[in-house]
């Protein structure tokens, strides 16, 4: 675990690295697909877009948790 960046505070910060053999666009499309996120996680139940263009930088979403 690494300490919070200078000027920030955090209750918990975790970091992980995973090698994924796929094109960046494919990975981005997968991890940014909020409605289907519940299919890949026990903690998530899905989500919905609240602003911005889906699957674009800057888009915001709200998700549900189990």
C-alpha atoms as a PDB file:
ATOM      1  CA  UNK A   1       0.000   0.000   0.000  1.00  0.00           C
ATOM      2  CA  UNK A   2       1.275   3.462  -0.841  1.00  0.00           C
ATOM      3  CA  UNK A   3       0.705   6.660   1.130  1.00  0.00           C
ATOM      4  CA  UNK A   4      -1.750   9.281  -0.201  1.00  0.00           C
ATOM      5  CA  UNK A   5      -0.388  11.808  -2.692  1.00  0.00           C
ATOM      6  CA  UNK A   6       0.842  15.108  -1.257  1.00  0.00           C
ATOM      7  CA  UNK A   7      -2.016  17.441  -0.420  1.00  0.00           C
ATOM      8  CA  UNK A   8      -4.636  14.682  -0.286  1.00  0.00           C
ATOM      9  CA  UNK A   9      -6.032  12.458   2.399  1.00  0.00           C
ATOM     10  CA  UNK A  10      -7.407   8.979   2.095  1.00  0.00           C
ATOM     11  CA  UNK A  11      -9.083   6.540   4.410  1.00  0.00           C
ATOM     12  CA  UNK A  12      -8.018   3.651   2.213  1.00  0.00           C
ATOM     13  CA  UNK A  13      -5.980   3.483  -0.919  1.00  0.00           C
ATOM     14  CA  UNK A  14      -5.224   0.286  -2.775  1.00  0.00           C
ATOM     15  CA  UNK A  15      -3.314  -0.284  -5.990  1.00  0.00           C
ATOM     16  CA  UNK A  16      -2.967  -3.293  -8.253  1.00  0.00           C
ATOM     17  CA  UNK A  17      -1.424  -4.066 -11.615  1.00  0.00           C
ATOM     18  CA  UNK A  18      -2.727  -6.618 -14.075  1.00  0.00           C
ATOM     19  CA  UNK A  19      -1.357  -7.447 -17.518  1.00  0.00           C
ATOM     20  CA  UNK A  20      -4.239  -7.663 -19.990  1.00  0.00           C
ATOM     21  CA  UNK A  21      -3.511  -8.879 -23.500  1.00  0.00           C
ATOM     22  CA  UNK A  22      -6.113  -6.812 -25.333  1.00  0.00           C
ATOM     23  CA  UNK A  23      -6.327  -3.600 -27.281  1.00  0.00           C
ATOM     24  CA  UNK A  24      -6.746  -0.519 -25.049  1.00  0.00           C
ATOM     25  CA  UNK A  25     -10.086   0.355 -26.677  1.00  0.00           C
ATOM     26  CA  UNK A  26     -11.457  -3.097 -25.921  1.00  0.00           C
ATOM     27  CA  UNK A  27     -10.394  -2.842 -22.279  1.00  0.00           C
ATOM     28  CA  UNK A  28     -11.827   0.672 -21.916  1.00  0.00           C
ATOM     29  CA  UNK A  29     -15.142  -0.392 -23.457  1.00  0.00           C
ATOM     30  CA  UNK A  30     -15.344  -3.301 -21.017  1.00  0.00           C
ATOM     31  CA  UNK A  31     -14.503  -1.457 -17.783  1.00  0.00           C
ATOM     32  CA  UNK A  32     -16.640   1.568 -18.663  1.00  0.00           C
ATOM     33  CA  UNK A  33     -19.787  -0.432 -19.472  1.00  0.00           C
ATOM     34  CA  UNK A  34     -21.664   0.409 -16.260  1.00  0.00           C
ATOM     35  CA  UNK A  35     -24.890  -1.511 -16.878  1.00  0.00           C
ATOM     36  CA  UNK A  36     -22.921  -4.759 -17.366  1.00  0.00           C
ATOM     37  CA  UNK A  37     -20.448  -4.188 -14.510  1.00  0.00           C
ATOM     38  CA  UNK A  38     -22.508  -6.432 -12.239  1.00  0.00           C
ATOM     39  CA  UNK A  39     -21.679  -9.405 -14.487  1.00  0.00           C
ATOM     40  CA  UNK A  40     -17.989  -9.114 -13.586  1.00  0.00           C
ATOM     41  CA  UNK A  41     -18.113  -8.253  -9.900  1.00  0.00           C
ATOM     42  CA  UNK A  42     -19.689  -9.675  -6.772  1.00  0.00           C
ATOM     43  CA  UNK A  43     -19.755  -6.183  -5.239  1.00  0.00           C
ATOM     44  CA  UNK A  44     -21.403  -4.354  -8.129  1.00  0.00           C
ATOM     45  CA  UNK A  45     -24.992  -4.676  -9.281  1.00  0.00           C
ATOM     46  CA  UNK A  46     -24.660  -2.522 -12.386  1.00  0.00           C
ATOM     47  CA  UNK A  47     -24.885   1.188 -12.923  1.00  0.00           C
ATOM     48  CA  UNK A  48     -26.212   4.022 -14.993  1.00  0.00           C
ATOM     49  CA  UNK A  49     -24.737   7.012 -16.755  1.00  0.00           C
ATOM     50  CA  UNK A  50     -25.486  10.367 -15.118  1.00  0.00           C
ATOM     51  CA  UNK A  51     -23.606  12.745 -17.439  1.00  0.00           C
ATOM     52  CA  UNK A  52     -21.355  12.864 -20.476  1.00  0.00           C
ATOM     53  CA  UNK A  53     -21.120  10.613 -23.494  1.00  0.00           C
ATOM     54  CA  UNK A  54     -21.015   6.905 -22.620  1.00  0.00           C
ATOM     55  CA  UNK A  55     -17.579   5.303 -22.834  1.00  0.00           C
ATOM     56  CA  UNK A  56     -15.777   8.636 -23.231  1.00  0.00           C
ATOM     57  CA  UNK A  57     -13.295  10.349 -20.918  1.00  0.00           C
ATOM     58  CA  UNK A  58     -15.156  12.631 -18.532  1.00  0.00           C
ATOM     59  CA  UNK A  59     -18.408  10.670 -18.520  1.00  0.00           C
ATOM     60  CA  UNK A  60     -19.824  10.088 -15.058  1.00  0.00           C
ATOM     61  CA  UNK A  61     -21.886   7.246 -13.745  1.00  0.00           C
ATOM     62  CA  UNK A  62     -23.542   6.032 -10.602  1.00  0.00           C
ATOM     63  CA  UNK A  63     -23.447   2.372  -9.699  1.00  0.00           C
ATOM     64  CA  UNK A  64     -25.159   0.047  -7.324  1.00  0.00           C
ATOM     65  CA  UNK A  65     -23.421  -2.134  -4.779  1.00  0.00           C
ATOM     66  CA  UNK A  66     -24.503  -5.478  -3.398  1.00  0.00           C
END
